[in-house]
Structure formats: C-alpha cells, structure tokens
Amino acid sequence: MEDLPFDDSALDAIISTNTIYFVPDLAAALKELARVLRPGGRLVLGVGDPGQMSKMPFTRHGFRLRPIDELVPAIREAGFDRIEDKRVGDGQGAAHLLVGELPG
C-alpha cells in the first residue's frame, strides 16, 4: 500500500478491508492512497473492532491492531476530511467502516 502502481489522481474510490493490520508504516500507506485518489475521491477502510479482534488468538501473529481513535486522526493527517466511522454489525464488537473524502 506504500507504493501503488497508479498515476496521481487515477482513482475515484478505494475500498480496503482487513488490510491495514499488515501495514508497518500506516502514515506512508495513507498518503499513498491519497496520492492515487482524485480530488473528491473516497476512501473506505474496513477494520474489525480492535477490542474484539484482540480476543482472537490468530491476531497475535503479525497483526497490528490500531485503536479507531488513532486511525481517524491518521486518515485526516493524510489529507482526508469528512471522516465517518460507520459501524457494521451489532454491539460493541461491530466492525468499523472508516469513510474519508479528499477535498475536492
């Protein structure tokens, strides 16, 4: 995610689910996503609830579980605005869809 094979402003939208757990440099990856999106483009990051995910034994092996309150500012810092945290599912363990838009 840190070096995508697309020109600047090449994409209208990006949807990425369950990938940021494996990205070592989140800031660089988010800046790269912003680079390839056109002005007004949208980013949707799907992530499991970090508290719920931490209870799953497989997440101890190579997963980087980042709190949502750290992800939202990181997305904003990469240049996105109007960031929404939409919950998918029921209860506190519901997954998160973090939706951001580049200024257009």
PDB file of N, CA and C in Angstrom:
ATOM      1  N   MET A   1       0.820  -1.203   0.000  1.00  0.00           N
ATOM      2  CA  MET A   1       0.000   0.000   0.000  1.00  0.00           C
ATOM      3  C   MET A   1       0.861   1.262   0.000  1.00  0.00           C
ATOM      4  N   GLU A   2       2.144   1.093   0.147  1.00  0.00           N
ATOM      5  CA  GLU A   2       3.025   2.260   0.225  1.00  0.00           C
ATOM      6  C   GLU A   2       3.595   2.680  -1.114  1.00  0.00           C
ATOM      7  N   ASP A   3       3.372   1.879  -2.154  1.00  0.00           N
ATOM      8  CA  ASP A   3       3.903   2.193  -3.477  1.00  0.00           C
ATOM      9  C   ASP A   3       2.976   1.588  -4.533  1.00  0.00           C
ATOM     10  N   LEU A   4       1.850   2.236  -4.760  1.00  0.00           N
ATOM     11  CA  LEU A   4       0.837   1.704  -5.670  1.00  0.00           C
ATOM     12  C   LEU A   4       1.178   2.009  -7.126  1.00  0.00           C
ATOM     13  N   PRO A   5       0.847   1.104  -8.041  1.00  0.00           N
ATOM     14  CA  PRO A   5       1.189   1.282  -9.456  1.00  0.00           C
ATOM     15  C   PRO A   5       0.161   2.104 -10.228  1.00  0.00           C
ATOM     16  N   PHE A   6      -0.210   3.254  -9.684  1.00  0.00           N
ATOM     17  CA  PHE A   6      -1.198   4.127 -10.322  1.00  0.00           C
ATOM     18  C   PHE A   6      -0.642   5.538 -10.411  1.00  0.00           C
ATOM     19  N   ASP A   7      -1.099   6.260 -11.417  1.00  0.00           N
ATOM     20  CA  ASP A   7      -0.736   7.675 -11.533  1.00  0.00           C
ATOM     21  C   ASP A   7      -1.444   8.476 -10.449  1.00  0.00           C
ATOM     22  N   ASP A   8      -0.955   9.684 -10.226  1.00  0.00           N
ATOM     23  CA  ASP A   8      -1.626  10.599  -9.306  1.00  0.00           C
ATOM     24  C   ASP A   8      -3.062  10.810  -9.760  1.00  0.00           C
ATOM     25  N   SER A   9      -3.983  10.857  -8.822  1.00  0.00           N
ATOM     26  CA  SER A   9      -5.403  11.151  -9.081  1.00  0.00           C
ATOM     27  C   SER A   9      -6.049  10.187 -10.071  1.00  0.00           C
ATOM     28  N   ALA A  10      -5.599   8.946 -10.109  1.00  0.00           N
ATOM     29  CA  ALA A  10      -6.079   7.974 -11.096  1.00  0.00           C
ATOM     30  C   ALA A  10      -7.394   7.300 -10.701  1.00  0.00           C
ATOM     31  N   LEU A  11      -7.728   7.289  -9.411  1.00  0.00           N
ATOM     32  CA  LEU A  11      -8.874   6.514  -8.950  1.00  0.00           C
ATOM     33  C   LEU A  11      -9.957   7.403  -8.351  1.00  0.00           C
ATOM     34  N   ASP A  12     -11.203   6.960  -8.511  1.00  0.00           N
ATOM     35  CA  ASP A  12     -12.335   7.665  -7.910  1.00  0.00           C
ATOM     36  C   ASP A  12     -12.568   7.238  -6.474  1.00  0.00           C
ATOM     37  N   ALA A  13     -12.282   5.977  -6.175  1.00  0.00           N
ATOM     38  CA  ALA A  13     -12.546   5.444  -4.840  1.00  0.00           C
ATOM     39  C   ALA A  13     -11.622   4.259  -4.565  1.00  0.00           C
ATOM     40  N   ILE A  14     -11.400   4.033  -3.282  1.00  0.00           N
ATOM     41  CA  ILE A  14     -10.632   2.876  -2.827  1.00  0.00           C
ATOM     42  C   ILE A  14     -11.394   2.242  -1.678  1.00  0.00           C
ATOM     43  N   ILE A  15     -11.555   0.932  -1.751  1.00  0.00           N
ATOM     44  CA  ILE A  15     -12.136   0.169  -0.658  1.00  0.00           C
ATOM     45  C   ILE A  15     -11.096  -0.865  -0.246  1.00  0.00           C
ATOM     46  N   SER A  16     -10.750  -0.862   1.011  1.00  0.00           N
ATOM     47  CA  SER A  16      -9.747  -1.791   1.528  1.00  0.00           C
ATOM     48  C   SER A  16     -10.265  -2.357   2.841  1.00  0.00           C
ATOM     49  N   THR A  17     -10.377  -3.661   2.906  1.00  0.00           N
ATOM     50  CA  THR A  17     -10.918  -4.306   4.103  1.00  0.00           C
ATOM     51  C   THR A  17      -9.898  -5.267   4.688  1.00  0.00           C
ATOM     52  N   ASN A  18      -9.684  -5.122   5.979  1.00  0.00           N
ATOM     53  CA  ASN A  18      -8.795  -6.017   6.728  1.00  0.00           C
ATOM     54  C   ASN A  18      -7.372  -6.057   6.175  1.00  0.00           C
ATOM     55  N   THR A  19      -6.880  -4.923   5.697  1.00  0.00           N
ATOM     56  CA  THR A  19      -5.517  -4.869   5.170  1.00  0.00           C
ATOM     57  C   THR A  19      -4.570  -4.063   6.048  1.00  0.00           C
ATOM     58  N   ILE A  20      -5.080  -3.049   6.730  1.00  0.00           N
ATOM     59  CA  ILE A  20      -4.161  -2.164   7.456  1.00  0.00           C
ATOM     60  C   ILE A  20      -3.512  -2.847   8.656  1.00  0.00           C
ATOM     61  N   TYR A  21      -4.001  -4.037   9.021  1.00  0.00           N
ATOM     62  CA  TYR A  21      -3.350  -4.787  10.107  1.00  0.00           C
ATOM     63  C   TYR A  21      -1.926  -5.156   9.740  1.00  0.00           C
ATOM     64  N   PHE A  22      -1.638  -5.210   8.455  1.00  0.00           N
ATOM     65  CA  PHE A  22      -0.359  -5.725   7.971  1.00  0.00           C
ATOM     66  C   PHE A  22       0.536  -4.634   7.388  1.00  0.00           C
ATOM     67  N   VAL A  23       0.157  -3.382   7.583  1.00  0.00           N
ATOM     68  CA  VAL A  23       0.912  -2.244   7.056  1.00  0.00           C
ATOM     69  C   VAL A  23       1.801  -1.686   8.167  1.00  0.00           C
ATOM     70  N   PRO A  24       3.128  -1.776   8.002  1.00  0.00           N
ATOM     71  CA  PRO A  24       4.003  -1.264   9.055  1.00  0.00           C
ATOM     72  C   PRO A  24       3.987   0.262   9.175  1.00  0.00           C
ATOM     73  N   ASP A  25       3.976   0.959   8.051  1.00  0.00           N
ATOM     74  CA  ASP A  25       4.012   2.426   8.072  1.00  0.00           C
ATOM     75  C   ASP A  25       2.663   2.957   7.608  1.00  0.00           C
ATOM     76  N   LEU A  26       1.761   3.087   8.555  1.00  0.00           N
ATOM     77  CA  LEU A  26       0.393   3.492   8.236  1.00  0.00           C
ATOM     78  C   LEU A  26       0.347   4.874   7.593  1.00  0.00           C
ATOM     79  N   ALA A  27       1.126   5.812   8.094  1.00  0.00           N
ATOM     80  CA  ALA A  27       1.114   7.172   7.538  1.00  0.00           C
ATOM     81  C   ALA A  27       1.520   7.165   6.065  1.00  0.00           C
ATOM     82  N   ALA A  28       2.571   6.427   5.734  1.00  0.00           N
ATOM     83  CA  ALA A  28       3.019   6.353   4.336  1.00  0.00           C
ATOM     84  C   ALA A  28       1.960   5.704   3.455  1.00  0.00           C
ATOM     85  N   ALA A  29       1.312   4.652   3.944  1.00  0.00           N
ATOM     86  CA  ALA A  29       0.273   3.972   3.167  1.00  0.00           C
ATOM     87  C   ALA A  29      -0.918   4.892   2.925  1.00  0.00           C
ATOM     88  N   LEU A  30      -1.350   5.614   3.928  1.00  0.00           N
ATOM     89  CA  LEU A  30      -2.489   6.514   3.765  1.00  0.00           C
ATOM     90  C   LEU A  30      -2.158   7.672   2.820  1.00  0.00           C
ATOM     91  N   LYS A  31      -0.943   8.182   2.884  1.00  0.00           N
ATOM     92  CA  LYS A  31      -0.536   9.241   1.955  1.00  0.00           C
ATOM     93  C   LYS A  31      -0.522   8.723   0.521  1.00  0.00           C
ATOM     94  N   GLU A  32      -0.121   7.468   0.348  1.00  0.00           N
ATOM     95  CA  GLU A  32      -0.112   6.871  -0.983  1.00  0.00           C
ATOM     96  C   GLU A  32      -1.546   6.687  -1.498  1.00  0.00           C
ATOM     97  N   LEU A  33      -2.452   6.286  -0.629  1.00  0.00           N
ATOM     98  CA  LEU A  33      -3.851   6.168  -1.034  1.00  0.00           C
ATOM     99  C   LEU A  33      -4.394   7.536  -1.449  1.00  0.00           C
ATOM    100  N   ALA A  34      -4.045   8.564  -0.700  1.00  0.00           N
ATOM    101  CA  ALA A  34      -4.490   9.924  -1.043  1.00  0.00           C
ATOM    102  C   ALA A  34      -3.885  10.362  -2.385  1.00  0.00           C
ATOM    103  N   ARG A  35      -2.661   9.980  -2.643  1.00  0.00           N
ATOM    104  CA  ARG A  35      -1.994  10.368  -3.899  1.00  0.00           C
ATOM    105  C   ARG A  35      -2.731   9.831  -5.117  1.00  0.00           C
ATOM    106  N   VAL A  36      -3.176   8.585  -5.054  1.00  0.00           N
ATOM    107  CA  VAL A  36      -3.787   7.967  -6.232  1.00  0.00           C
ATOM    108  C   VAL A  36      -5.272   8.280  -6.382  1.00  0.00           C
ATOM    109  N   LEU A  37      -5.873   8.909  -5.371  1.00  0.00           N
ATOM    110  CA  LEU A  37      -7.281   9.305  -5.472  1.00  0.00           C
ATOM    111  C   LEU A  37      -7.402  10.698  -6.082  1.00  0.00           C
ATOM    112  N   ARG A  38      -8.427  10.886  -6.866  1.00  0.00           N
ATOM    113  CA  ARG A  38      -8.703  12.203  -7.440  1.00  0.00           C
ATOM    114  C   ARG A  38      -9.269  13.120  -6.349  1.00  0.00           C
ATOM    115  N   PRO A  39      -9.211  14.427  -6.530  1.00  0.00           N
ATOM    116  CA  PRO A  39      -9.876  15.327  -5.594  1.00  0.00           C
ATOM    117  C   PRO A  39     -11.370  14.967  -5.496  1.00  0.00           C
ATOM    118  N   GLY A  40     -11.862  14.889  -4.300  1.00  0.00           N
ATOM    119  CA  GLY A  40     -13.241  14.462  -4.077  1.00  0.00           C
ATOM    120  C   GLY A  40     -13.401  12.957  -4.003  1.00  0.00           C
ATOM    121  N   GLY A  41     -12.292  12.209  -4.210  1.00  0.00           N
ATOM    122  CA  GLY A  41     -12.342  10.751  -4.150  1.00  0.00           C
ATOM    123  C   GLY A  41     -12.570  10.258  -2.733  1.00  0.00           C
ATOM    124  N   ARG A  42     -13.091   9.052  -2.638  1.00  0.00           N
ATOM    125  CA  ARG A  42     -13.426   8.479  -1.332  1.00  0.00           C
ATOM    126  C   ARG A  42     -12.583   7.262  -1.005  1.00  0.00           C
ATOM    127  N   LEU A  43     -12.294   7.145   0.275  1.00  0.00           N
ATOM    128  CA  LEU A  43     -11.584   6.008   0.825  1.00  0.00           C
ATOM    129  C   LEU A  43     -12.491   5.328   1.840  1.00  0.00           C
ATOM    130  N   VAL A  44     -12.610   4.021   1.758  1.00  0.00           N
ATOM    131  CA  VAL A  44     -13.328   3.236   2.754  1.00  0.00           C
ATOM    132  C   VAL A  44     -12.368   2.180   3.282  1.00  0.00           C
ATOM    133  N   LEU A  45     -12.073   2.257   4.570  1.00  0.00           N
ATOM    134  CA  LEU A  45     -11.246   1.253   5.224  1.00  0.00           C
ATOM    135  C   LEU A  45     -12.133   0.441   6.149  1.00  0.00           C
ATOM    136  N   GLY A  46     -12.203  -0.849   5.904  1.00  0.00           N
ATOM    137  CA  GLY A  46     -12.952  -1.735   6.780  1.00  0.00           C
ATOM    138  C   GLY A  46     -12.007  -2.391   7.766  1.00  0.00           C
ATOM    139  N   VAL A  47     -12.313  -2.252   9.048  1.00  0.00           N
ATOM    140  CA  VAL A  47     -11.485  -2.866  10.090  1.00  0.00           C
ATOM    141  C   VAL A  47     -12.388  -3.482  11.154  1.00  0.00           C
ATOM    142  N   GLY A  48     -11.924  -4.584  11.686  1.00  0.00           N
ATOM    143  CA  GLY A  48     -12.628  -5.178  12.811  1.00  0.00           C
ATOM    144  C   GLY A  48     -12.443  -4.314  14.041  1.00  0.00           C
ATOM    145  N   ASP A  49     -13.359  -4.427  14.959  1.00  0.00           N
ATOM    146  CA  ASP A  49     -13.222  -3.679  16.206  1.00  0.00           C
ATOM    147  C   ASP A  49     -11.955  -4.161  16.924  1.00  0.00           C
ATOM    148  N   PRO A  50     -11.015  -3.252  17.224  1.00  0.00           N
ATOM    149  CA  PRO A  50      -9.742  -3.668  17.814  1.00  0.00           C
ATOM    150  C   PRO A  50      -9.904  -4.437  19.133  1.00  0.00           C
ATOM    151  N   GLY A  51     -10.838  -4.020  19.968  1.00  0.00           N
ATOM    152  CA  GLY A  51     -11.059  -4.725  21.233  1.00  0.00           C
ATOM    153  C   GLY A  51     -11.513  -6.152  21.003  1.00  0.00           C
ATOM    154  N   GLN A  52     -12.413  -6.331  20.069  1.00  0.00           N
ATOM    155  CA  GLN A  52     -12.907  -7.666  19.740  1.00  0.00           C
ATOM    156  C   GLN A  52     -11.821  -8.493  19.063  1.00  0.00           C
ATOM    157  N   MET A  53     -11.083  -7.867  18.154  1.00  0.00           N
ATOM    158  CA  MET A  53     -10.034  -8.578  17.423  1.00  0.00           C
ATOM    159  C   MET A  53      -8.918  -9.047  18.369  1.00  0.00           C
ATOM    160  N   SER A  54      -8.632  -8.272  19.404  1.00  0.00           N
ATOM    161  CA  SER A  54      -7.551  -8.644  20.326  1.00  0.00           C
ATOM    162  C   SER A  54      -7.859  -9.931  21.081  1.00  0.00           C
ATOM    163  N   LYS A  55      -9.114 -10.328  21.120  1.00  0.00           N
ATOM    164  CA  LYS A  55      -9.516 -11.571  21.792  1.00  0.00           C
ATOM    165  C   LYS A  55      -9.334 -12.792  20.894  1.00  0.00           C
ATOM    166  N   MET A  56      -9.072 -12.567  19.629  1.00  0.00           N
ATOM    167  CA  MET A  56      -8.919 -13.671  18.680  1.00  0.00           C
ATOM    168  C   MET A  56      -7.466 -14.128  18.654  1.00  0.00           C
ATOM    169  N   PRO A  57      -7.218 -15.418  18.884  1.00  0.00           N
ATOM    170  CA  PRO A  57      -5.826 -15.873  19.033  1.00  0.00           C
ATOM    171  C   PRO A  57      -4.955 -15.649  17.796  1.00  0.00           C
ATOM    172  N   PHE A  58      -5.504 -15.689  16.608  1.00  0.00           N
ATOM    173  CA  PHE A  58      -4.690 -15.530  15.404  1.00  0.00           C
ATOM    174  C   PHE A  58      -4.137 -14.126  15.236  1.00  0.00           C
ATOM    175  N   THR A  59      -4.733 -13.132  15.915  1.00  0.00           N
ATOM    176  CA  THR A  59      -4.248 -11.757  15.742  1.00  0.00           C
ATOM    177  C   THR A  59      -2.914 -11.518  16.456  1.00  0.00           C
ATOM    178  N   ARG A  60      -2.461 -12.478  17.206  1.00  0.00           N
ATOM    179  CA  ARG A  60      -1.143 -12.362  17.854  1.00  0.00           C
ATOM    180  C   ARG A  60       0.001 -12.611  16.874  1.00  0.00           C
ATOM    181  N   HIS A  61      -0.337 -13.001  15.658  1.00  0.00           N
ATOM    182  CA  HIS A  61       0.665 -13.402  14.678  1.00  0.00           C
ATOM    183  C   HIS A  61       0.696 -12.431  13.497  1.00  0.00           C
ATOM    184  N   GLY A  62       1.409 -11.322  13.663  1.00  0.00           N
ATOM    185  CA  GLY A  62       1.622 -10.391  12.565  1.00  0.00           C
ATOM    186  C   GLY A  62       0.577  -9.308  12.397  1.00  0.00           C
ATOM    187  N   PHE A  63      -0.428  -9.261  13.246  1.00  0.00           N
ATOM    188  CA  PHE A  63      -1.457  -8.221  13.149  1.00  0.00           C
ATOM    189  C   PHE A  63      -1.030  -6.990  13.932  1.00  0.00           C
ATOM    190  N   ARG A  64      -1.315  -5.823  13.374  1.00  0.00           N
ATOM    191  CA  ARG A  64      -1.144  -4.555  14.081  1.00  0.00           C
ATOM    192  C   ARG A  64      -2.547  -4.024  14.332  1.00  0.00           C
ATOM    193  N   LEU A  65      -3.035  -4.216  15.543  1.00  0.00           N
ATOM    194  CA  LEU A  65      -4.374  -3.749  15.887  1.00  0.00           C
ATOM    195  C   LEU A  65      -4.263  -2.324  16.404  1.00  0.00           C
ATOM    196  N   ARG A  66      -4.782  -1.402  15.619  1.00  0.00           N
ATOM    197  CA  ARG A  66      -4.694   0.020  15.972  1.00  0.00           C
ATOM    198  C   ARG A  66      -6.060   0.506  16.441  1.00  0.00           C
ATOM    199  N   PRO A  67      -6.085   1.235  17.548  1.00  0.00           N
ATOM    200  CA  PRO A  67      -7.367   1.775  18.020  1.00  0.00           C
ATOM    201  C   PRO A  67      -7.976   2.725  16.983  1.00  0.00           C
ATOM    202  N   ILE A  68      -9.286   2.730  16.921  1.00  0.00           N
ATOM    203  CA  ILE A  68     -10.001   3.592  15.979  1.00  0.00           C
ATOM    204  C   ILE A  68      -9.654   5.054  16.236  1.00  0.00           C
ATOM    205  N   ASP A  69      -9.494   5.422  17.519  1.00  0.00           N
ATOM    206  CA  ASP A  69      -9.177   6.826  17.814  1.00  0.00           C
ATOM    207  C   ASP A  69      -7.758   7.206  17.411  1.00  0.00           C
ATOM    208  N   GLU A  70      -6.953   6.256  16.950  1.00  0.00           N
ATOM    209  CA  GLU A  70      -5.669   6.554  16.321  1.00  0.00           C
ATOM    210  C   GLU A  70      -5.785   6.535  14.799  1.00  0.00           C
ATOM    211  N   LEU A  71      -6.652   5.692  14.282  1.00  0.00           N
ATOM    212  CA  LEU A  71      -6.810   5.590  12.822  1.00  0.00           C
ATOM    213  C   LEU A  71      -7.437   6.843  12.228  1.00  0.00           C
ATOM    214  N   VAL A  72      -8.475   7.357  12.864  1.00  0.00           N
ATOM    215  CA  VAL A  72      -9.178   8.524  12.309  1.00  0.00           C
ATOM    216  C   VAL A  72      -8.238   9.722  12.160  1.00  0.00           C
ATOM    217  N   PRO A  73      -7.459  10.093  13.193  1.00  0.00           N
ATOM    218  CA  PRO A  73      -6.514  11.207  13.001  1.00  0.00           C
ATOM    219  C   PRO A  73      -5.451  10.912  11.939  1.00  0.00           C
ATOM    220  N   ALA A  74      -5.027   9.669  11.828  1.00  0.00           N
ATOM    221  CA  ALA A  74      -4.030   9.316  10.804  1.00  0.00           C
ATOM    222  C   ALA A  74      -4.610   9.492   9.403  1.00  0.00           C
ATOM    223  N   ILE A  75      -5.865   9.137   9.230  1.00  0.00           N
ATOM    224  CA  ILE A  75      -6.537   9.324   7.939  1.00  0.00           C
ATOM    225  C   ILE A  75      -6.656  10.818   7.635  1.00  0.00           C
ATOM    226  N   ARG A  76      -7.018  11.582   8.628  1.00  0.00           N
ATOM    227  CA  ARG A  76      -7.139  13.039   8.459  1.00  0.00           C
ATOM    228  C   ARG A  76      -5.784  13.658   8.118  1.00  0.00           C
ATOM    229  N   GLU A  77      -4.746  13.208   8.786  1.00  0.00           N
ATOM    230  CA  GLU A  77      -3.399  13.744   8.556  1.00  0.00           C
ATOM    231  C   GLU A  77      -2.909  13.452   7.136  1.00  0.00           C
ATOM    232  N   ALA A  78      -3.407  12.383   6.535  1.00  0.00           N
ATOM    233  CA  ALA A  78      -3.022  12.034   5.162  1.00  0.00           C
ATOM    234  C   ALA A  78      -3.724  12.899   4.128  1.00  0.00           C
ATOM    235  N   GLY A  79      -4.661  13.752   4.573  1.00  0.00           N
ATOM    236  CA  GLY A  79      -5.309  14.687   3.656  1.00  0.00           C
ATOM    237  C   GLY A  79      -6.796  14.474   3.463  1.00  0.00           C
ATOM    238  N   PHE A  80      -7.365  13.496   4.139  1.00  0.00           N
ATOM    239  CA  PHE A  80      -8.798  13.230   4.007  1.00  0.00           C
ATOM    240  C   PHE A  80      -9.582  14.077   4.997  1.00  0.00           C
ATOM    241  N   ASP A  81     -10.813  14.394   4.618  1.00  0.00           N
ATOM    242  CA  ASP A  81     -11.686  15.080   5.559  1.00  0.00           C
ATOM    243  C   ASP A  81     -13.048  14.397   5.553  1.00  0.00           C
ATOM    244  N   ARG A  82     -13.965  14.958   6.281  1.00  0.00           N
ATOM    245  CA  ARG A  82     -15.311  14.379   6.435  1.00  0.00           C
ATOM    246  C   ARG A  82     -15.237  12.879   6.723  1.00  0.00           C
ATOM    247  N   ILE A  83     -14.447  12.523   7.701  1.00  0.00           N
ATOM    248  CA  ILE A  83     -14.249  11.123   8.040  1.00  0.00           C
ATOM    249  C   ILE A  83     -15.381  10.649   8.938  1.00  0.00           C
ATOM    250  N   GLU A  84     -16.001   9.546   8.539  1.00  0.00           N
ATOM    251  CA  GLU A  84     -17.088   8.957   9.305  1.00  0.00           C
ATOM    252  C   GLU A  84     -16.685   7.567   9.758  1.00  0.00           C
ATOM    253  N   ASP A  85     -17.110   7.208  10.948  1.00  0.00           N
ATOM    254  CA  ASP A  85     -16.929   5.853  11.461  1.00  0.00           C
ATOM    255  C   ASP A  85     -18.303   5.199  11.461  1.00  0.00           C
ATOM    256  N   LYS A  86     -18.551   4.387  10.457  1.00  0.00           N
ATOM    257  CA  LYS A  86     -19.838   3.695  10.339  1.00  0.00           C
ATOM    258  C   LYS A  86     -19.669   2.285  10.892  1.00  0.00           C
ATOM    259  N   ARG A  87     -20.516   1.921  11.825  1.00  0.00           N
ATOM    260  CA  ARG A  87     -20.437   0.597  12.435  1.00  0.00           C
ATOM    261  C   ARG A  87     -21.266  -0.392  11.633  1.00  0.00           C
ATOM    262  N   VAL A  88     -20.731  -1.590  11.497  1.00  0.00           N
ATOM    263  CA  VAL A  88     -21.393  -2.651  10.752  1.00  0.00           C
ATOM    264  C   VAL A  88     -21.517  -3.851  11.686  1.00  0.00           C
ATOM    265  N   GLY A  89     -22.716  -4.214  12.014  1.00  0.00           N
ATOM    266  CA  GLY A  89     -22.944  -5.322  12.934  1.00  0.00           C
ATOM    267  C   GLY A  89     -23.583  -4.822  14.208  1.00  0.00           C
ATOM    268  N   ASP A  90     -23.638  -5.698  15.182  1.00  0.00           N
ATOM    269  CA  ASP A  90     -24.313  -5.386  16.433  1.00  0.00           C
ATOM    270  C   ASP A  90     -23.338  -5.329  17.598  1.00  0.00           C
ATOM    271  N   GLY A  91     -23.653  -4.507  18.563  1.00  0.00           N
ATOM    272  CA  GLY A  91     -22.906  -4.453  19.811  1.00  0.00           C
ATOM    273  C   GLY A  91     -21.558  -3.776  19.692  1.00  0.00           C
ATOM    274  N   GLN A  92     -20.806  -3.885  20.806  1.00  0.00           N
ATOM    275  CA  GLN A  92     -19.502  -3.234  20.873  1.00  0.00           C
ATOM    276  C   GLN A  92     -18.482  -3.856  19.931  1.00  0.00           C
ATOM    277  N   GLY A  93     -18.693  -5.081  19.521  1.00  0.00           N
ATOM    278  CA  GLY A  93     -17.760  -5.751  18.628  1.00  0.00           C
ATOM    279  C   GLY A  93     -18.028  -5.504  17.159  1.00  0.00           C
ATOM    280  N   ALA A  94     -18.977  -4.625  16.847  1.00  0.00           N
ATOM    281  CA  ALA A  94     -19.300  -4.342  15.443  1.00  0.00           C
ATOM    282  C   ALA A  94     -18.065  -3.805  14.713  1.00  0.00           C
ATOM    283  N   ALA A  95     -17.933  -4.197  13.467  1.00  0.00           N
ATOM    284  CA  ALA A  95     -16.812  -3.737  12.640  1.00  0.00           C
ATOM    285  C   ALA A  95     -16.968  -2.247  12.324  1.00  0.00           C
ATOM    286  N   HIS A  96     -15.888  -1.657  11.850  1.00  0.00           N
ATOM    287  CA  HIS A  96     -15.858  -0.238  11.512  1.00  0.00           C
ATOM    288  C   HIS A  96     -15.618  -0.065  10.017  1.00  0.00           C
ATOM    289  N   LEU A  97     -16.376   0.810   9.412  1.00  0.00           N
ATOM    290  CA  LEU A  97     -16.088   1.299   8.073  1.00  0.00           C
ATOM    291  C   LEU A  97     -15.693   2.749   8.235  1.00  0.00           C
ATOM    292  N   LEU A  98     -14.427   3.040   8.034  1.00  0.00           N
ATOM    293  CA  LEU A  98     -13.928   4.409   8.146  1.00  0.00           C
ATOM    294  C   LEU A  98     -13.946   5.005   6.743  1.00  0.00           C
ATOM    295  N   VAL A  99     -14.796   5.998   6.565  1.00  0.00           N
ATOM    296  CA  VAL A  99     -15.022   6.597   5.251  1.00  0.00           C
ATOM    297  C   VAL A  99     -14.468   8.021   5.274  1.00  0.00           C
ATOM    298  N   GLY A 100     -13.553   8.290   4.358  1.00  0.00           N
ATOM    299  CA  GLY A 100     -12.975   9.622   4.239  1.00  0.00           C
ATOM    300  C   GLY A 100     -13.047  10.102   2.808  1.00  0.00           C
ATOM    301  N   GLU A 101     -12.995  11.406   2.638  1.00  0.00           N
ATOM    302  CA  GLU A 101     -13.059  12.010   1.318  1.00  0.00           C
ATOM    303  C   GLU A 101     -11.933  13.023   1.181  1.00  0.00           C
ATOM    304  N   LEU A 102     -11.317  13.029   0.013  1.00  0.00           N
ATOM    305  CA  LEU A 102     -10.311  14.057  -0.248  1.00  0.00           C
ATOM    306  C   LEU A 102     -11.019  15.361  -0.590  1.00  0.00           C
ATOM    307  N   PRO A 103     -10.507  16.478  -0.135  1.00  0.00           N
ATOM    308  CA  PRO A 103     -11.111  17.751  -0.532  1.00  0.00           C
ATOM    309  C   PRO A 103     -11.149  17.869  -2.052  1.00  0.00           C
ATOM    310  N   GLY A 104     -12.233  18.401  -2.552  1.00  0.00           N
ATOM    311  CA  GLY A 104     -12.383  18.458  -3.998  1.00  0.00           C
ATOM    312  C   GLY A 104     -12.435  19.816  -4.517  1.00  0.00           C
TER     313      GLY A 104
END
